[in-house]
Protein backbone atom coordinates (compact mmCIF):
# COMPACT_ATOMS: atom_id res chain seq x y z
CA MET A 1 38.64 45.99 23.72
CA LYS A 2 38.42 42.21 23.67
CA SER A 3 35.54 42.40 26.11
CA PHE A 4 33.68 44.78 23.82
CA ARG A 5 34.14 42.52 20.81
CA LYS A 6 33.06 39.44 22.71
CA ASP A 7 29.95 41.07 24.11
CA SER A 8 29.20 42.66 20.76
CA VAL A 9 29.32 39.29 19.03
CA VAL A 10 27.03 37.77 21.72
CA GLY A 11 24.65 40.70 21.32
CA TRP A 12 24.54 40.29 17.55
CA LEU A 13 23.98 36.54 17.88
CA LEU A 14 21.11 37.07 20.31
CA GLY A 15 19.66 39.70 18.03
CA ALA A 16 19.86 37.39 15.02
CA LEU A 17 18.19 34.63 17.00
CA ALA A 18 15.43 36.99 18.04
CA VAL A 19 14.84 38.21 14.47
CA ALA A 20 14.71 34.62 13.24
CA SER A 21 12.28 33.61 15.98
CA ILE A 22 9.93 36.52 15.26
CA GLY A 23 9.19 34.90 11.93
CA ALA A 24 8.14 31.66 13.62
CA PRO A 25 4.51 30.75 13.12
CA VAL A 26 1.96 31.98 15.67
CA HIS A 27 0.26 28.98 17.27
CA ALA A 28 -2.28 30.07 19.85
CA ALA A 29 -5.25 32.37 19.33
CA VAL A 30 -8.10 33.86 21.36
CA ILE A 31 -11.67 34.57 20.20
CA TYR A 32 -13.59 37.65 21.31
CA ALA A 33 -17.38 38.01 20.95
CA GLU A 34 -19.29 41.19 21.62
CA GLY A 35 -22.99 41.91 21.21
CA THR A 36 -25.92 44.07 22.27
CA PHE A 37 -29.34 42.48 22.03
CA LEU A 38 -33.04 42.85 22.84
CA VAL A 39 -35.26 40.03 24.10
CA ASP A 40 -38.96 40.28 23.20
CA TYR A 41 -41.33 38.03 25.13
CA TYR A 42 -44.81 37.90 23.58
CA GLY A 43 -46.18 34.99 25.57
CA SER A 44 -49.28 33.11 24.47
CA ASP A 45 -52.69 32.13 25.74
CA TRP A 46 -51.39 28.76 26.83
CA GLU A 47 -48.29 30.12 28.61
CA PRO A 48 -48.40 31.25 32.29
CA GLY A 49 -49.23 34.94 32.32
CA GLY A 50 -50.91 34.82 28.91
CA SER A 51 -49.87 36.96 25.94
CA TYR A 52 -48.38 40.46 26.02
CA ASP A 53 -49.01 43.35 23.68
CA PRO A 54 -46.67 45.17 23.71
CA PRO A 55 -44.19 42.39 24.57
CA LEU A 56 -42.04 42.26 27.67
CA LEU A 57 -38.65 43.66 26.73
CA GLY A 58 -35.18 42.73 28.00
CA PRO A 59 -32.17 44.73 26.73
CA GLY A 60 -28.70 43.39 27.30
CA SER A 61 -25.09 43.07 26.15
CA PHE A 62 -22.09 40.78 26.54
CA PHE A 63 -18.36 40.72 25.92
CA LEU A 64 -16.78 37.25 25.94
CA ARG A 65 -13.29 35.82 25.50
CA SER A 66 -12.19 32.24 24.82
CA ALA A 67 -9.25 30.50 26.40
CA PRO A 68 -6.19 30.25 24.09
CA TYR A 69 -6.58 27.49 21.53
CA TYR A 70 -4.77 26.21 18.46
CA PRO A 71 -6.82 26.99 15.33
CA GLY A 72 -5.04 24.43 13.17
CA ASN A 73 -5.54 21.56 15.58
CA GLU A 74 -8.62 22.11 17.76
CA PHE A 75 -11.89 23.85 18.39
CA PRO A 76 -12.03 26.53 21.11
CA TYR A 77 -12.98 25.30 24.58
CA PRO A 78 -16.68 26.20 25.06
CA GLU A 79 -16.34 27.80 28.50
CA PHE A 80 -15.68 31.46 27.60
CA GLU A 81 -14.67 34.10 30.12
CA VAL A 82 -17.32 36.79 30.68
CA LEU A 83 -15.54 40.13 30.53
CA ASP A 84 -18.80 42.10 30.61
CA PHE A 85 -22.51 41.23 30.79
CA SER A 86 -25.72 43.13 31.44
CA PHE A 87 -29.35 42.11 31.17
CA THR A 88 -32.56 43.72 32.45
CA PHE A 89 -35.97 42.10 32.48
CA GLN A 90 -39.15 42.95 34.40
CA GLY A 91 -37.36 45.12 36.93
CA TRP A 92 -34.48 42.71 37.51
CA SER A 93 -30.93 43.41 36.39
CA TRP A 94 -27.81 41.25 36.21
CA ASP A 95 -24.15 41.75 35.39
CA GLU A 96 -21.09 39.59 34.76
CA SER A 97 -20.78 38.68 38.45
CA ASP A 98 -24.10 36.82 38.24
CA VAL A 99 -23.20 34.60 35.30
CA LEU A 100 -22.62 30.97 36.29
CA THR A 101 -21.83 29.29 32.99
CA THR A 102 -21.18 30.05 29.35
CA ASP A 103 -21.24 27.44 26.62
CA CYS A 104 -19.95 29.04 23.44
CA TYR A 105 -19.41 27.01 20.30
CA PHE A 106 -17.15 28.50 17.65
CA TRP A 107 -15.36 27.21 14.61
CA PRO A 108 -11.55 27.51 14.70
CA ASP A 109 -11.69 30.50 12.32
CA GLY A 110 -13.84 32.42 14.82
CA THR A 111 -17.23 31.82 13.17
CA PRO A 112 -19.89 31.49 15.87
CA ASP A 113 -22.15 28.44 16.04
CA GLY A 114 -23.82 28.98 19.41
CA ILE A 115 -23.66 31.17 22.51
CA ASN A 116 -25.35 30.16 25.78
CA ILE A 117 -25.31 32.21 28.98
CA ALA A 118 -26.86 31.05 32.27
CA TRP A 119 -27.36 32.48 35.76
CA ASP A 120 -29.56 31.73 38.79
CA ASP A 121 -32.89 33.36 39.52
CA PRO A 122 -32.52 35.72 42.52
CA ASN A 123 -35.66 34.42 44.25
CA SER A 124 -35.43 30.68 43.67
CA THR A 125 -33.18 27.84 42.62
CA ASP A 126 -34.34 28.20 39.02
CA ARG A 127 -31.85 29.06 36.34
CA TRP A 128 -32.18 31.70 33.60
CA HIS A 129 -30.84 31.06 30.12
CA LEU A 130 -30.11 33.08 26.99
CA SER A 131 -29.19 30.99 23.97
CA TRP A 132 -28.41 31.89 20.37
CA ASN A 133 -28.04 29.25 17.68
CA PHE A 134 -26.26 30.81 14.69
CA SER A 135 -26.72 27.78 12.49
CA ASP A 136 -30.51 27.98 12.29
CA GLY A 137 -31.12 31.49 13.71
CA ASN A 138 -33.05 30.14 16.67
CA PHE A 139 -33.09 31.91 20.05
CA GLY A 140 -33.81 30.21 23.37
CA PHE A 141 -34.94 31.86 26.58
CA GLN A 142 -35.76 30.54 30.04
CA PHE A 143 -36.90 32.84 32.82
CA PHE A 144 -38.94 32.93 36.03
CA VAL A 145 -40.59 36.12 37.35
CA GLY A 146 -43.24 35.49 39.97
CA ASP A 147 -46.09 33.57 38.36
CA VAL A 148 -44.71 34.18 34.87
CA SER A 149 -42.17 31.70 33.55
CA PHE A 150 -41.10 30.43 30.18
CA SER A 151 -38.70 27.91 28.73
CA GLY A 152 -38.62 27.67 24.98
CA ASN A 153 -37.32 29.13 21.76
CA SER A 154 -38.19 31.55 19.00
CA GLU A 155 -39.54 28.94 16.63
CA GLY A 156 -43.07 29.31 18.01
CA GLY A 157 -43.05 33.12 17.86
CA ILE A 158 -43.40 33.48 21.61
CA VAL A 159 -39.98 34.99 22.19
CA GLY A 160 -37.28 36.68 20.14
CA GLY A 161 -33.70 37.68 20.79
CA SER A 162 -32.37 39.96 18.07
CA PHE A 163 -28.97 41.61 17.99
CA ASP A 164 -28.56 45.33 17.57
CA GLN A 165 -24.83 44.78 17.19
CA PHE A 166 -22.77 41.61 17.11
CA ARG A 167 -19.19 40.88 16.13
CA THR A 168 -16.48 38.30 16.72
CA TRP A 169 -12.78 38.44 16.03
CA VAL A 170 -9.72 36.26 16.48
CA VAL A 171 -6.54 37.63 18.06
CA PRO A 172 -3.33 35.60 17.53
CA GLU A 173 -1.22 35.21 20.64
CA PRO A 174 2.56 35.58 20.27
CA GLY A 175 4.36 32.29 19.78
CA THR A 176 6.74 31.12 22.51
CA PHE A 177 9.77 31.63 20.29
CA SER A 178 8.69 35.17 19.42
CA VAL A 179 8.47 36.15 23.08
CA LEU A 180 11.76 34.44 23.84
CA GLY A 181 13.40 36.10 20.87
CA LEU A 182 12.24 39.58 21.86
CA GLY A 183 13.57 38.97 25.37
CA LEU A 184 16.93 37.81 24.09
CA LEU A 185 17.12 40.79 21.75
CA GLY A 186 16.53 43.13 24.69
CA MET A 187 19.20 41.37 26.75
CA GLY A 188 21.70 41.57 23.92
CA LEU A 189 21.12 45.25 23.28
CA THR A 190 21.28 46.08 27.00
CA ARG A 191 24.52 44.20 27.44
CA ARG A 192 26.05 45.97 24.47
CA ARG A 193 25.10 49.37 25.88
CA ASN A 194 26.56 48.52 29.29
CA VAL A 195 29.92 47.56 27.74
CA ARG A 196 30.12 50.82 25.86
């Protein structure tokens, strides 16, 4: 009987500690960004390959995740993990395994400022880029396909990169004390059951 009371008290203390820790503030968070887009390349008379009517089209999508960060103290680290990526242009296709770098600039509340995705050209050492600037609405594109290449942005009307769908969201990560508290609660309840 004494053993039951002792273990019961320990279980209740652990449970109380867990409940108290669950109310502790959540510190870390992760940003997710998901979008489907269409690149339109119109070219121009002074660009290699000339102008295109209709434009060359490149559909694509991405799903990105930031490293954990602390919204109250810092900006998210710009190197986001590529969970999913697809892009097709002029008969070439790429997926997340081809992506070399991502530079994603977000405000701590999850508001996007810029997303940049880069990968290597399959036939050369040249690098392809997709770049969205959410501050001024500008889109940048760099590509190389045979004799046709381009490196520039949407300001001149040569290229566009519009989103069909785009969303970002912030997911809080459980605080250390919350996870610890839940574990202690489980230990306390298990111990109490074993004694009974």
